[in-house]
C-alpha atoms as a PDB file:
ATOM      1  CA  UNK A   1       0.044  -0.025   0.014  1.00  0.00           C
ATOM      2  CA  UNK A   2       2.713   2.383   0.957  1.00  0.00           C
ATOM      3  CA  UNK A   3       4.732   1.431  -2.076  1.00  0.00           C
ATOM      4  CA  UNK A   4       1.686   2.261  -4.307  1.00  0.00           C
ATOM      5  CA  UNK A   5       1.313   5.677  -2.679  1.00  0.00           C
ATOM      6  CA  UNK A   6       4.963   6.379  -3.198  1.00  0.00           C
ATOM      7  CA  UNK A   7       4.762   5.272  -6.807  1.00  0.00           C
ATOM      8  CA  UNK A   8       1.727   7.531  -7.265  1.00  0.00           C
ATOM      9  CA  UNK A   9       3.529  10.491  -5.814  1.00  0.00           C
ATOM     10  CA  UNK A  10       6.590   9.918  -7.949  1.00  0.00           C
ATOM     11  CA  UNK A  11       4.412   9.572 -11.069  1.00  0.00           C
ATOM     12  CA  UNK A  12       2.582  12.788 -10.283  1.00  0.00           C
ATOM     13  CA  UNK A  13       5.886  14.591  -9.543  1.00  0.00           C
ATOM     14  CA  UNK A  14       7.384  13.442 -12.864  1.00  0.00           C
ATOM     15  CA  UNK A  15       4.223  14.521 -14.738  1.00  0.00           C
ATOM     16  CA  UNK A  16       4.398  17.926 -13.138  1.00  0.00           C
ATOM     17  CA  UNK A  17       8.079  18.237 -13.942  1.00  0.00           C
ATOM     18  CA  UNK A  18       7.490  17.144 -17.518  1.00  0.00           C
ATOM     19  CA  UNK A  19       4.664  19.734 -17.901  1.00  0.00           C
ATOM     20  CA  UNK A  20       6.929  22.497 -16.481  1.00  0.00           C
ATOM     21  CA  UNK A  21       9.783  21.557 -18.790  1.00  0.00           C
ATOM     22  CA  UNK A  22       7.499  21.444 -21.780  1.00  0.00           C
ATOM     23  CA  UNK A  23       6.121  24.866 -20.877  1.00  0.00           C
ATOM     24  CA  UNK A  24       9.560  26.254 -20.465  1.00  0.00           C
ATOM     25  CA  UNK A  25      10.617  24.756 -23.683  1.00  0.00           C
ATOM     26  CA  UNK A  26       7.551  26.166 -25.470  1.00  0.00           C
ATOM     27  CA  UNK A  27       8.168  29.658 -23.922  1.00  0.00           C
ATOM     28  CA  UNK A  28      11.740  29.424 -25.052  1.00  0.00           C
ATOM     29  CA  UNK A  29      10.576  28.996 -28.666  1.00  0.00           C
ATOM     30  CA  UNK A  30       8.128  31.955 -28.564  1.00  0.00           C
ATOM     31  CA  UNK A  31       9.445  34.905 -30.537  1.00  0.00           C
ATOM     32  CA  UNK A  32      10.525  37.868 -28.420  1.00  0.00           C
ATOM     33  CA  UNK A  33      10.030  41.434 -29.650  1.00  0.00           C
ATOM     34  CA  UNK A  34      11.792  44.443 -28.063  1.00  0.00           C
ATOM     35  CA  UNK A  35      10.236  47.911 -28.211  1.00  0.00           C
ATOM     36  CA  UNK A  36      12.569  50.737 -27.562  1.00  0.00           C
ATOM     37  CA  UNK A  37      11.550  54.342 -27.218  1.00  0.00           C
ATOM     38  CA  UNK A  38      13.033  57.387 -25.484  1.00  0.00           C
ATOM     39  CA  UNK A  39       9.629  58.727 -24.849  1.00  0.00           C
ATOM     40  CA  UNK A  40       7.391  57.866 -21.870  1.00  0.00           C
ATOM     41  CA  UNK A  41       4.850  54.977 -21.988  1.00  0.00           C
ATOM     42  CA  UNK A  42       2.016  57.445 -22.138  1.00  0.00           C
ATOM     43  CA  UNK A  43       3.582  59.635 -25.024  1.00  0.00           C
ATOM     44  CA  UNK A  44       3.077  57.017 -27.625  1.00  0.00           C
ATOM     45  CA  UNK A  45       0.449  54.853 -25.914  1.00  0.00           C
ATOM     46  CA  UNK A  46      -2.195  55.162 -28.796  1.00  0.00           C
ATOM     47  CA  UNK A  47       0.465  54.668 -31.456  1.00  0.00           C
ATOM     48  CA  UNK A  48       1.954  51.585 -29.755  1.00  0.00           C
ATOM     49  CA  UNK A  49      -1.586  50.210 -29.416  1.00  0.00           C
ATOM     50  CA  UNK A  50      -1.855  50.548 -33.210  1.00  0.00           C
ATOM     51  CA  UNK A  51       1.346  48.439 -33.384  1.00  0.00           C
ATOM     52  CA  UNK A  52      -0.014  45.808 -31.062  1.00  0.00           C
ATOM     53  CA  UNK A  53      -3.306  45.725 -32.963  1.00  0.00           C
ATOM     54  CA  UNK A  54      -1.242  45.341 -36.226  1.00  0.00           C
ATOM     55  CA  UNK A  55       0.524  42.266 -34.752  1.00  0.00           C
ATOM     56  CA  UNK A  56      -2.855  40.703 -33.685  1.00  0.00           C
ATOM     57  CA  UNK A  57      -4.317  41.138 -37.160  1.00  0.00           C
ATOM     58  CA  UNK A  58      -1.306  39.251 -38.385  1.00  0.00           C
ATOM     59  CA  UNK A  59      -1.794  36.480 -35.928  1.00  0.00           C
ATOM     60  CA  UNK A  60       0.801  37.530 -33.327  1.00  0.00           C
ATOM     61  CA  UNK A  61      -0.875  37.547 -29.848  1.00  0.00           C
ATOM     62  CA  UNK A  62       1.109  38.761 -26.867  1.00  0.00           C
ATOM     63  CA  UNK A  63       1.112  36.202 -24.158  1.00  0.00           C
ATOM     64  CA  UNK A  64       0.222  33.467 -26.561  1.00  0.00           C
ATOM     65  CA  UNK A  65       2.671  33.211 -29.431  1.00  0.00           C
ATOM     66  CA  UNK A  66       4.937  36.237 -28.793  1.00  0.00           C
ATOM     67  CA  UNK A  67       6.537  38.039 -25.931  1.00  0.00           C
ATOM     68  CA  UNK A  68       7.020  41.849 -26.092  1.00  0.00           C
ATOM     69  CA  UNK A  69       9.709  43.456 -24.002  1.00  0.00           C
ATOM     70  CA  UNK A  70       9.089  47.293 -23.732  1.00  0.00           C
ATOM     71  CA  UNK A  71      11.725  49.845 -22.700  1.00  0.00           C
ATOM     72  CA  UNK A  72      10.905  53.517 -22.165  1.00  0.00           C
ATOM     73  CA  UNK A  73      13.479  56.258 -21.684  1.00  0.00           C
ATOM     74  CA  UNK A  74      11.056  58.642 -20.072  1.00  0.00           C
ATOM     75  CA  UNK A  75      12.403  61.530 -22.096  1.00  0.00           C
ATOM     76  CA  UNK A  76      16.012  60.947 -21.138  1.00  0.00           C
ATOM     77  CA  UNK A  77      18.581  60.379 -23.993  1.00  0.00           C
ATOM     78  CA  UNK A  78      21.167  59.074 -21.578  1.00  0.00           C
ATOM     79  CA  UNK A  79      19.031  56.046 -20.759  1.00  0.00           C
ATOM     80  CA  UNK A  80      18.713  54.748 -24.278  1.00  0.00           C
ATOM     81  CA  UNK A  81      22.100  53.009 -24.630  1.00  0.00           C
ATOM     82  CA  UNK A  82      21.540  50.875 -21.492  1.00  0.00           C
ATOM     83  CA  UNK A  83      17.905  50.140 -22.573  1.00  0.00           C
ATOM     84  CA  UNK A  84      18.955  48.957 -25.962  1.00  0.00           C
ATOM     85  CA  UNK A  85      21.691  46.869 -24.260  1.00  0.00           C
ATOM     86  CA  UNK A  86      19.040  45.321 -21.942  1.00  0.00           C
ATOM     87  CA  UNK A  87      17.081  44.194 -25.072  1.00  0.00           C
ATOM     88  CA  UNK A  88      20.117  42.689 -26.551  1.00  0.00           C
ATOM     89  CA  UNK A  89      20.945  40.783 -23.412  1.00  0.00           C
ATOM     90  CA  UNK A  90      17.362  39.517 -23.221  1.00  0.00           C
ATOM     91  CA  UNK A  91      17.962  37.892 -26.573  1.00  0.00           C
ATOM     92  CA  UNK A  92      14.953  39.433 -28.415  1.00  0.00           C
ATOM     93  CA  UNK A  93      14.383  38.303 -32.012  1.00  0.00           C
ATOM     94  CA  UNK A  94      13.682  41.713 -33.377  1.00  0.00           C
ATOM     95  CA  UNK A  95      13.942  45.320 -31.970  1.00  0.00           C
ATOM     96  CA  UNK A  96      11.321  47.945 -32.869  1.00  0.00           C
ATOM     97  CA  UNK A  97      12.996  51.376 -32.452  1.00  0.00           C
ATOM     98  CA  UNK A  98      10.460  54.138 -32.534  1.00  0.00           C
ATOM     99  CA  UNK A  99      12.259  57.389 -33.183  1.00  0.00           C
ATOM    100  CA  UNK A 100      15.805  58.383 -34.445  1.00  0.00           C
ATOM    101  CA  UNK A 101      17.583  58.444 -31.188  1.00  0.00           C
ATOM    102  CA  UNK A 102      16.066  54.922 -30.353  1.00  0.00           C
ATOM    103  CA  UNK A 103      17.124  53.692 -33.859  1.00  0.00           C
ATOM    104  CA  UNK A 104      20.691  54.968 -33.411  1.00  0.00           C
ATOM    105  CA  UNK A 105      20.936  53.419 -29.891  1.00  0.00           C
ATOM    106  CA  UNK A 106      19.554  50.123 -31.188  1.00  0.00           C
ATOM    107  CA  UNK A 107      22.025  50.062 -34.084  1.00  0.00           C
ATOM    108  CA  UNK A 108      24.927  50.789 -31.834  1.00  0.00           C
ATOM    109  CA  UNK A 109      23.854  47.949 -29.487  1.00  0.00           C
ATOM    110  CA  UNK A 110      23.716  45.205 -32.114  1.00  0.00           C
ATOM    111  CA  UNK A 111      24.750  44.422 -35.632  1.00  0.00           C
ATOM    112  CA  UNK A 112      23.007  41.102 -35.839  1.00  0.00           C
ATOM    113  CA  UNK A 113      19.474  41.389 -34.226  1.00  0.00           C
ATOM    114  CA  UNK A 114      17.056  42.734 -36.763  1.00  0.00           C
ATOM    115  CA  UNK A 115      15.916  46.314 -36.197  1.00  0.00           C
ATOM    116  CA  UNK A 116      12.658  47.811 -37.410  1.00  0.00           C
ATOM    117  CA  UNK A 117      12.628  51.609 -37.274  1.00  0.00           C
ATOM    118  CA  UNK A 118       9.212  53.101 -36.939  1.00  0.00           C
ATOM    119  CA  UNK A 119       9.997  56.798 -37.581  1.00  0.00           C
ATOM    120  CA  UNK A 120      13.406  57.251 -39.133  1.00  0.00           C
ATOM    121  CA  UNK A 121      14.892  60.535 -40.420  1.00  0.00           C
ATOM    122  CA  UNK A 122      17.337  60.451 -43.226  1.00  0.00           C
ATOM    123  CA  UNK A 123      18.843  57.058 -42.368  1.00  0.00           C
ATOM    124  CA  UNK A 124      20.872  56.995 -45.596  1.00  0.00           C
ATOM    125  CA  UNK A 125      22.704  60.322 -44.927  1.00  0.00           C
ATOM    126  CA  UNK A 126      23.326  59.141 -41.325  1.00  0.00           C
ATOM    127  CA  UNK A 127      25.013  56.031 -42.543  1.00  0.00           C
ATOM    128  CA  UNK A 128      22.535  53.689 -40.923  1.00  0.00           C
ATOM    129  CA  UNK A 129      21.408  51.966 -44.121  1.00  0.00           C
ATOM    130  CA  UNK A 130      22.820  51.721 -47.612  1.00  0.00           C
ATOM    131  CA  UNK A 131      19.686  52.913 -49.529  1.00  0.00           C
ATOM    132  CA  UNK A 132      15.974  52.953 -49.112  1.00  0.00           C
ATOM    133  CA  UNK A 133      15.532  50.214 -51.761  1.00  0.00           C
ATOM    134  CA  UNK A 134      18.077  47.831 -50.254  1.00  0.00           C
ATOM    135  CA  UNK A 135      18.856  48.861 -46.674  1.00  0.00           C
ATOM    136  CA  UNK A 136      21.563  46.260 -46.128  1.00  0.00           C
ATOM    137  CA  UNK A 137      22.739  44.955 -42.751  1.00  0.00           C
ATOM    138  CA  UNK A 138      20.092  44.581 -39.950  1.00  0.00           C
ATOM    139  CA  UNK A 139      17.944  47.702 -40.247  1.00  0.00           C
ATOM    140  CA  UNK A 140      14.748  48.422 -42.111  1.00  0.00           C
ATOM    141  CA  UNK A 141      11.381  49.945 -41.551  1.00  0.00           C
ATOM    142  CA  UNK A 142       9.758  53.366 -42.275  1.00  0.00           C
ATOM    143  CA  UNK A 143      11.304  56.807 -42.440  1.00  0.00           C
ATOM    144  CA  UNK A 144       9.894  60.270 -42.189  1.00  0.00           C
ATOM    145  CA  UNK A 145      12.278  61.481 -44.901  1.00  0.00           C
ATOM    146  CA  UNK A 146       9.868  64.174 -46.296  1.00  0.00           C
ATOM    147  CA  UNK A 147      11.144  66.865 -48.578  1.00  0.00           C
ATOM    148  CA  UNK A 148      12.834  69.260 -46.121  1.00  0.00           C
ATOM    149  CA  UNK A 149      10.917  72.119 -47.874  1.00  0.00           C
ATOM    150  CA  UNK A 150       7.886  70.933 -45.882  1.00  0.00           C
ATOM    151  CA  UNK A 151       9.237  73.167 -43.184  1.00  0.00           C
ATOM    152  CA  UNK A 152       8.134  76.087 -45.418  1.00  0.00           C
ATOM    153  CA  UNK A 153       4.641  74.701 -45.504  1.00  0.00           C
ATOM    154  CA  UNK A 154       4.242  74.875 -41.727  1.00  0.00           C
ATOM    155  CA  UNK A 155       5.366  78.594 -41.864  1.00  0.00           C
ATOM    156  CA  UNK A 156       2.922  79.195 -44.712  1.00  0.00           C
ATOM    157  CA  UNK A 157       0.022  77.886 -42.709  1.00  0.00           C
ATOM    158  CA  UNK A 158       0.916  80.188 -39.888  1.00  0.00           C
ATOM    159  CA  UNK A 159       1.217  83.217 -42.211  1.00  0.00           C
ATOM    160  CA  UNK A 160      -2.210  82.472 -43.550  1.00  0.00           C
ATOM    161  CA  UNK A 161      -3.928  82.551 -40.121  1.00  0.00           C
ATOM    162  CA  UNK A 162      -1.899  85.145 -38.266  1.00  0.00           C
ATOM    163  CA  UNK A 163      -2.481  88.668 -39.603  1.00  0.00           C
ATOM    164  CA  UNK A 164       0.656  90.771 -40.126  1.00  0.00           C
ATOM    165  CA  UNK A 165       2.843  87.874 -39.059  1.00  0.00           C
ATOM    166  CA  UNK A 166       6.581  88.661 -39.405  1.00  0.00           C
ATOM    167  CA  UNK A 167       8.502  86.869 -36.642  1.00  0.00           C
ATOM    168  CA  UNK A 168       8.145  83.101 -35.995  1.00  0.00           C
ATOM    169  CA  UNK A 169       9.835  81.203 -33.106  1.00  0.00           C
ATOM    170  CA  UNK A 170      11.078  77.610 -33.738  1.00  0.00           C
ATOM    171  CA  UNK A 171      11.152  75.305 -30.837  1.00  0.00           C
ATOM    172  CA  UNK A 172      13.782  72.558 -31.726  1.00  0.00           C
ATOM    173  CA  UNK A 173      15.718  69.716 -30.093  1.00  0.00           C
ATOM    174  CA  UNK A 174      19.191  69.765 -31.658  1.00  0.00           C
ATOM    175  CA  UNK A 175      19.991  66.263 -30.301  1.00  0.00           C
ATOM    176  CA  UNK A 176      17.303  64.676 -32.535  1.00  0.00           C
ATOM    177  CA  UNK A 177      19.302  63.126 -35.336  1.00  0.00           C
ATOM    178  CA  UNK A 178      18.447  64.453 -38.814  1.00  0.00           C
ATOM    179  CA  UNK A 179      16.549  67.528 -37.476  1.00  0.00           C
ATOM    180  CA  UNK A 180      19.237  70.057 -38.754  1.00  0.00           C
ATOM    181  CA  UNK A 181      18.086  69.692 -42.352  1.00  0.00           C
ATOM    182  CA  UNK A 182      14.557  70.826 -41.400  1.00  0.00           C
ATOM    183  CA  UNK A 183      15.941  73.757 -39.467  1.00  0.00           C
ATOM    184  CA  UNK A 184      17.966  74.967 -42.447  1.00  0.00           C
ATOM    185  CA  UNK A 185      14.962  74.394 -44.668  1.00  0.00           C
ATOM    186  CA  UNK A 186      12.798  76.583 -42.343  1.00  0.00           C
ATOM    187  CA  UNK A 187      15.470  79.224 -42.230  1.00  0.00           C
ATOM    188  CA  UNK A 188      15.610  79.263 -46.045  1.00  0.00           C
ATOM    189  CA  UNK A 189      11.831  79.297 -46.580  1.00  0.00           C
ATOM    190  CA  UNK A 190      11.055  82.048 -44.048  1.00  0.00           C
ATOM    191  CA  UNK A 191      12.485  85.036 -46.156  1.00  0.00           C
ATOM    192  CA  UNK A 192      10.564  83.867 -49.192  1.00  0.00           C
ATOM    193  CA  UNK A 193       7.442  84.258 -47.168  1.00  0.00           C
ATOM    194  CA  UNK A 194       8.314  87.641 -45.801  1.00  0.00           C
ATOM    195  CA  UNK A 195       9.194  86.042 -42.403  1.00  0.00           C
ATOM    196  CA  UNK A 196      12.049  85.687 -40.055  1.00  0.00           C
ATOM    197  CA  UNK A 197      12.397  82.580 -37.834  1.00  0.00           C
ATOM    198  CA  UNK A 198      14.449  82.384 -34.657  1.00  0.00           C
ATOM    199  CA  UNK A 199      15.176  78.974 -33.215  1.00  0.00           C
ATOM    200  CA  UNK A 200      15.272  78.349 -29.602  1.00  0.00           C
ATOM    201  CA  UNK A 201      16.843  74.945 -28.489  1.00  0.00           C
ATOM    202  CA  UNK A 202      15.681  72.597 -25.739  1.00  0.00           C
ATOM    203  CA  UNK A 203      17.980  69.791 -24.567  1.00  0.00           C
ATOM    204  CA  UNK A 204      16.562  68.871 -21.166  1.00  0.00           C
ATOM    205  CA  UNK A 205      12.979  68.560 -19.610  1.00  0.00           C
ATOM    206  CA  UNK A 206      13.720  71.722 -17.555  1.00  0.00           C
ATOM    207  CA  UNK A 207      14.525  73.854 -20.616  1.00  0.00           C
ATOM    208  CA  UNK A 208      10.947  74.665 -21.685  1.00  0.00           C
ATOM    209  CA  UNK A 209      10.096  77.498 -19.422  1.00  0.00           C
ATOM    210  CA  UNK A 210      13.252  79.332 -20.309  1.00  0.00           C
ATOM    211  CA  UNK A 211      12.787  78.565 -23.979  1.00  0.00           C
ATOM    212  CA  UNK A 212       9.451  80.328 -24.038  1.00  0.00           C
ATOM    213  CA  UNK A 213      10.867  83.322 -22.071  1.00  0.00           C
ATOM    214  CA  UNK A 214      13.465  83.603 -24.733  1.00  0.00           C
ATOM    215  CA  UNK A 215      10.805  83.453 -27.546  1.00  0.00           C
ATOM    216  CA  UNK A 216       8.926  86.269 -25.899  1.00  0.00           C
ATOM    217  CA  UNK A 217      12.120  88.246 -25.547  1.00  0.00           C
ATOM    218  CA  UNK A 218      12.654  87.722 -29.333  1.00  0.00           C
ATOM    219  CA  UNK A 219       9.191  89.081 -29.972  1.00  0.00           C
ATOM    220  CA  UNK A 220       7.911  85.824 -31.622  1.00  0.00           C
ATOM    221  CA  UNK A 221       4.354  86.281 -32.973  1.00  0.00           C
ATOM    222  CA  UNK A 222       3.756  82.590 -33.583  1.00  0.00           C
ATOM    223  CA  UNK A 223       5.375  79.178 -32.803  1.00  0.00           C
ATOM    224  CA  UNK A 224       6.419  76.169 -34.862  1.00  0.00           C
ATOM    225  CA  UNK A 225       7.364  73.152 -32.806  1.00  0.00           C
ATOM    226  CA  UNK A 226       9.774  70.672 -34.541  1.00  0.00           C
ATOM    227  CA  UNK A 227       9.665  66.959 -33.766  1.00  0.00           C
ATOM    228  CA  UNK A 228      11.681  64.954 -31.159  1.00  0.00           C
ATOM    229  CA  UNK A 229      11.050  62.393 -28.464  1.00  0.00           C
ATOM    230  CA  UNK A 230      11.951  64.981 -25.818  1.00  0.00           C
ATOM    231  CA  UNK A 231       9.518  67.434 -27.179  1.00  0.00           C
ATOM    232  CA  UNK A 232       6.827  64.800 -27.693  1.00  0.00           C
ATOM    233  CA  UNK A 233       7.181  63.679 -24.045  1.00  0.00           C
ATOM    234  CA  UNK A 234       6.508  67.232 -22.928  1.00  0.00           C
ATOM    235  CA  UNK A 235       3.996  68.195 -25.650  1.00  0.00           C
ATOM    236  CA  UNK A 236       1.235  69.106 -22.986  1.00  0.00           C
ATOM    237  CA  UNK A 237       3.492  71.417 -21.246  1.00  0.00           C
ATOM    238  CA  UNK A 238       4.440  73.111 -24.518  1.00  0.00           C
ATOM    239  CA  UNK A 239       0.785  73.572 -25.553  1.00  0.00           C
ATOM    240  CA  UNK A 240       0.087  75.120 -22.089  1.00  0.00           C
ATOM    241  CA  UNK A 241       3.050  77.517 -22.419  1.00  0.00           C
ATOM    242  CA  UNK A 242       1.972  78.540 -25.962  1.00  0.00           C
ATOM    243  CA  UNK A 243      -1.476  79.337 -24.593  1.00  0.00           C
ATOM    244  CA  UNK A 244      -0.056  81.186 -21.575  1.00  0.00           C
ATOM    245  CA  UNK A 245       1.960  83.438 -23.823  1.00  0.00           C
ATOM    246  CA  UNK A 246      -0.810  83.785 -26.397  1.00  0.00           C
ATOM    247  CA  UNK A 247       1.209  82.274 -29.236  1.00  0.00           C
ATOM    248  CA  UNK A 248      -0.552  80.752 -32.319  1.00  0.00           C
ATOM    249  CA  UNK A 249       1.178  77.348 -32.594  1.00  0.00           C
ATOM    250  CA  UNK A 250       1.832  74.754 -35.228  1.00  0.00           C
ATOM    251  CA  UNK A 251       2.824  71.140 -34.687  1.00  0.00           C
ATOM    252  CA  UNK A 252       3.712  67.968 -36.323  1.00  0.00           C
ATOM    253  CA  UNK A 253       1.531  65.997 -33.964  1.00  0.00           C
ATOM    254  CA  UNK A 254      -2.273  65.768 -34.108  1.00  0.00           C
ATOM    255  CA  UNK A 255      -2.293  65.222 -30.378  1.00  0.00           C
ATOM    256  CA  UNK A 256      -1.139  68.753 -29.845  1.00  0.00           C
ATOM    257  CA  UNK A 257      -4.447  70.035 -31.346  1.00  0.00           C
ATOM    258  CA  UNK A 258      -6.424  67.671 -29.091  1.00  0.00           C
ATOM    259  CA  UNK A 259      -4.483  69.176 -26.047  1.00  0.00           C
ATOM    260  CA  UNK A 260      -5.511  72.646 -27.104  1.00  0.00           C
ATOM    261  CA  UNK A 261      -2.964  73.627 -29.775  1.00  0.00           C
ATOM    262  CA  UNK A 262      -3.912  75.617 -32.829  1.00  0.00           C
ATOM    263  CA  UNK A 263      -2.872  73.550 -35.864  1.00  0.00           C
ATOM    264  CA  UNK A 264      -0.979  70.385 -36.899  1.00  0.00           C
ATOM    265  CA  UNK A 265       0.179  68.938 -40.199  1.00  0.00           C
ATOM    266  CA  UNK A 266       1.862  65.672 -40.533  1.00  0.00           C
ATOM    267  CA  UNK A 267       1.918  62.229 -42.088  1.00  0.00           C
ATOM    268  CA  UNK A 268      -0.640  59.940 -40.502  1.00  0.00           C
ATOM    269  CA  UNK A 269       1.622  58.737 -37.708  1.00  0.00           C
ATOM    270  CA  UNK A 270      -0.427  55.696 -36.908  1.00  0.00           C
ATOM    271  CA  UNK A 271       0.521  54.405 -40.388  1.00  0.00           C
ATOM    272  CA  UNK A 272       4.168  54.168 -39.219  1.00  0.00           C
ATOM    273  CA  UNK A 273       3.283  51.909 -36.312  1.00  0.00           C
ATOM    274  CA  UNK A 274       0.920  49.711 -38.334  1.00  0.00           C
ATOM    275  CA  UNK A 275       3.646  49.226 -40.981  1.00  0.00           C
ATOM    276  CA  UNK A 276       6.136  48.295 -38.170  1.00  0.00           C
ATOM    277  CA  UNK A 277       3.966  45.402 -37.277  1.00  0.00           C
ATOM    278  CA  UNK A 278       4.087  44.216 -40.936  1.00  0.00           C
ATOM    279  CA  UNK A 279       7.923  44.404 -40.944  1.00  0.00           C
ATOM    280  CA  UNK A 280       8.042  42.431 -37.704  1.00  0.00           C
ATOM    281  CA  UNK A 281       5.730  39.818 -39.179  1.00  0.00           C
ATOM    282  CA  UNK A 282       7.967  39.425 -42.345  1.00  0.00           C
ATOM    283  CA  UNK A 283      11.189  39.188 -40.104  1.00  0.00           C
ATOM    284  CA  UNK A 284       9.684  36.626 -37.761  1.00  0.00           C
ATOM    285  CA  UNK A 285       8.687  34.557 -40.891  1.00  0.00           C
ATOM    286  CA  UNK A 286      12.289  34.587 -42.138  1.00  0.00           C
ATOM    287  CA  UNK A 287      12.794  37.724 -44.152  1.00  0.00           C
ATOM    288  CA  UNK A 288      16.016  39.598 -43.787  1.00  0.00           C
ATOM    289  CA  UNK A 289      16.011  43.333 -42.924  1.00  0.00           C
ATOM    290  CA  UNK A 290      18.611  43.909 -45.638  1.00  0.00           C
ATOM    291  CA  UNK A 291      16.171  42.846 -48.381  1.00  0.00           C
ATOM    292  CA  UNK A 292      13.074  44.726 -47.108  1.00  0.00           C
ATOM    293  CA  UNK A 293      12.852  48.275 -48.713  1.00  0.00           C
ATOM    294  CA  UNK A 294      12.376  51.216 -46.389  1.00  0.00           C
ATOM    295  CA  UNK A 295       8.975  52.927 -46.929  1.00  0.00           C
ATOM    296  CA  UNK A 296       8.089  56.649 -46.813  1.00  0.00           C
ATOM    297  CA  UNK A 297       4.774  58.212 -45.711  1.00  0.00           C
ATOM    298  CA  UNK A 298       1.973  58.818 -48.306  1.00  0.00           C
ATOM    299  CA  UNK A 299      -0.964  60.197 -46.176  1.00  0.00           C
ATOM    300  CA  UNK A 300      -0.963  63.538 -44.456  1.00  0.00           C
ATOM    301  CA  UNK A 301      -3.477  65.092 -41.933  1.00  0.00           C
ATOM    302  CA  UNK A 302      -4.130  68.750 -41.302  1.00  0.00           C
ATOM    303  CA  UNK A 303      -5.988  69.735 -38.187  1.00  0.00           C
ATOM    304  CA  UNK A 304      -7.328  73.121 -37.021  1.00  0.00           C
ATOM    305  CA  UNK A 305      -8.589  74.063 -33.616  1.00  0.00           C
ATOM    306  CA  UNK A 306     -11.298  76.759 -33.799  1.00  0.00           C
ATOM    307  CA  UNK A 307     -11.616  76.885 -30.039  1.00  0.00           C
ATOM    308  CA  UNK A 308      -8.011  77.974 -29.701  1.00  0.00           C
ATOM    309  CA  UNK A 309      -8.339  80.312 -32.634  1.00  0.00           C
ATOM    310  CA  UNK A 310     -11.229  82.106 -30.885  1.00  0.00           C
ATOM    311  CA  UNK A 311      -9.297  82.440 -27.740  1.00  0.00           C
ATOM    312  CA  UNK A 312      -6.414  83.981 -29.742  1.00  0.00           C
ATOM    313  CA  UNK A 313      -8.773  86.290 -31.530  1.00  0.00           C
ATOM    314  CA  UNK A 314      -8.010  84.748 -34.863  1.00  0.00           C
ATOM    315  CA  UNK A 315     -10.441  84.305 -37.753  1.00  0.00           C
ATOM    316  CA  UNK A 316      -9.323  81.141 -39.656  1.00  0.00           C
ATOM    317  CA  UNK A 317      -9.774  81.847 -43.369  1.00  0.00           C
ATOM    318  CA  UNK A 318     -12.098  79.669 -45.329  1.00  0.00           C
ATOM    319  CA  UNK A 319      -9.292  78.823 -47.623  1.00  0.00           C
ATOM    320  CA  UNK A 320      -7.540  77.115 -44.765  1.00  0.00           C
ATOM    321  CA  UNK A 321     -10.512  75.457 -43.319  1.00  0.00           C
ATOM    322  CA  UNK A 322     -11.523  73.671 -46.538  1.00  0.00           C
ATOM    323  CA  UNK A 323      -8.105  71.983 -46.518  1.00  0.00           C
ATOM    324  CA  UNK A 324      -8.449  70.650 -43.031  1.00  0.00           C
ATOM    325  CA  UNK A 325      -8.978  66.955 -42.448  1.00  0.00           C
ATOM    326  CA  UNK A 326     -10.420  67.767 -39.034  1.00  0.00           C
ATOM    327  CA  UNK A 327     -11.776  71.049 -37.416  1.00  0.00           C
ATOM    328  CA  UNK A 328     -12.279  71.095 -33.665  1.00  0.00           C
ATOM    329  CA  UNK A 329     -15.094  73.435 -32.833  1.00  0.00           C
END
C-alpha cells in the first residue's frame, strides 16, 4: 500500500516536472519582440496600441505566441544606450525602435539582431542604411524622410492664419538626429514668405520654461514646434506654455491640437506603427531586414482648432478650413 502511494506521488511529480519543462521549452521558442523608445509609456500609448493591433491582425498575440519586451526612456537620452543593451541581453528576435535616437541606440547595440525603425529621419545620410530600396545589414522599416521644404509649408500655414505675421519662433531639439536639415529648410523658406524665424533649443525637460521666455524676448508672434522624443514627451507642457503666452502654434503631432494647440500637419503617424507590425511579421517569418525596402509616408493630416483660434482672436480663413481633415469646434 505504501509502495503504491510512493509510486503515485513519484508519477505525479514526474508528470508535473515534464509539464513544467514542456512549458519552459515552449516559452523559449516563442519569438521575443523588443520595443525601444526614449519617450514615456504614455507619450506613444495610442500609437503603440496600433502596433499591437497590427500584430494581432497578423496572428501574433502577446502572451500566446509572442513576448514583447518594452523599454521606455522617459524623455532621457542618456538612458537609451543601457535600455538597448538590456534588449540585446534579453535575446529578443527583433527590436522595434520608434524614433531616430532609439534607432541609433539600437543600431549601436547590435549588428545582428534585426531592427525595425518606426519613424526614421534620413537614415541613408546618417550612414544607418545603404539605400531605401536595399537597406543592407540589420535595419529596415519606415522613415519620415519628407522633402525638407515641408518646413516652409508649416510657416505658410501660420502666415495664412496670423495677420501681419513677421516673426516666428521655432522650438527645436538639436539632439534629434536628422533635424538640422529641417531647421535649415525653415530658415531658407522664411524670407521667401516675408518672415524671419528664430530657433530656440531645448535639450532637457527643464528647458521649456526658459525657452518660452526667450521666444517672448525675441518678440515671436507665432510658434512652430519641431519633432523629437523629448518634445513629444512634454507636448502638453508646450501647448500650455503657448496658450499662456498667447502664441498661435503649429505642430507635427495631431495630439497637440487635441491638447489645445492651434494647428498640426503631418503624415498619419499611426500608419508608421501599423507598418512596423508588418515588418516584424515578415522578419519573424524569415525575411532579412537587408532585403526589405524602407517605406516613406503617403498620407497627411491637417487639423485646426477653432476653439483655440477664438481664444487667440484669430479668424481662420475659409481657404484654410477647406483644406483641414479635421476641425475642432
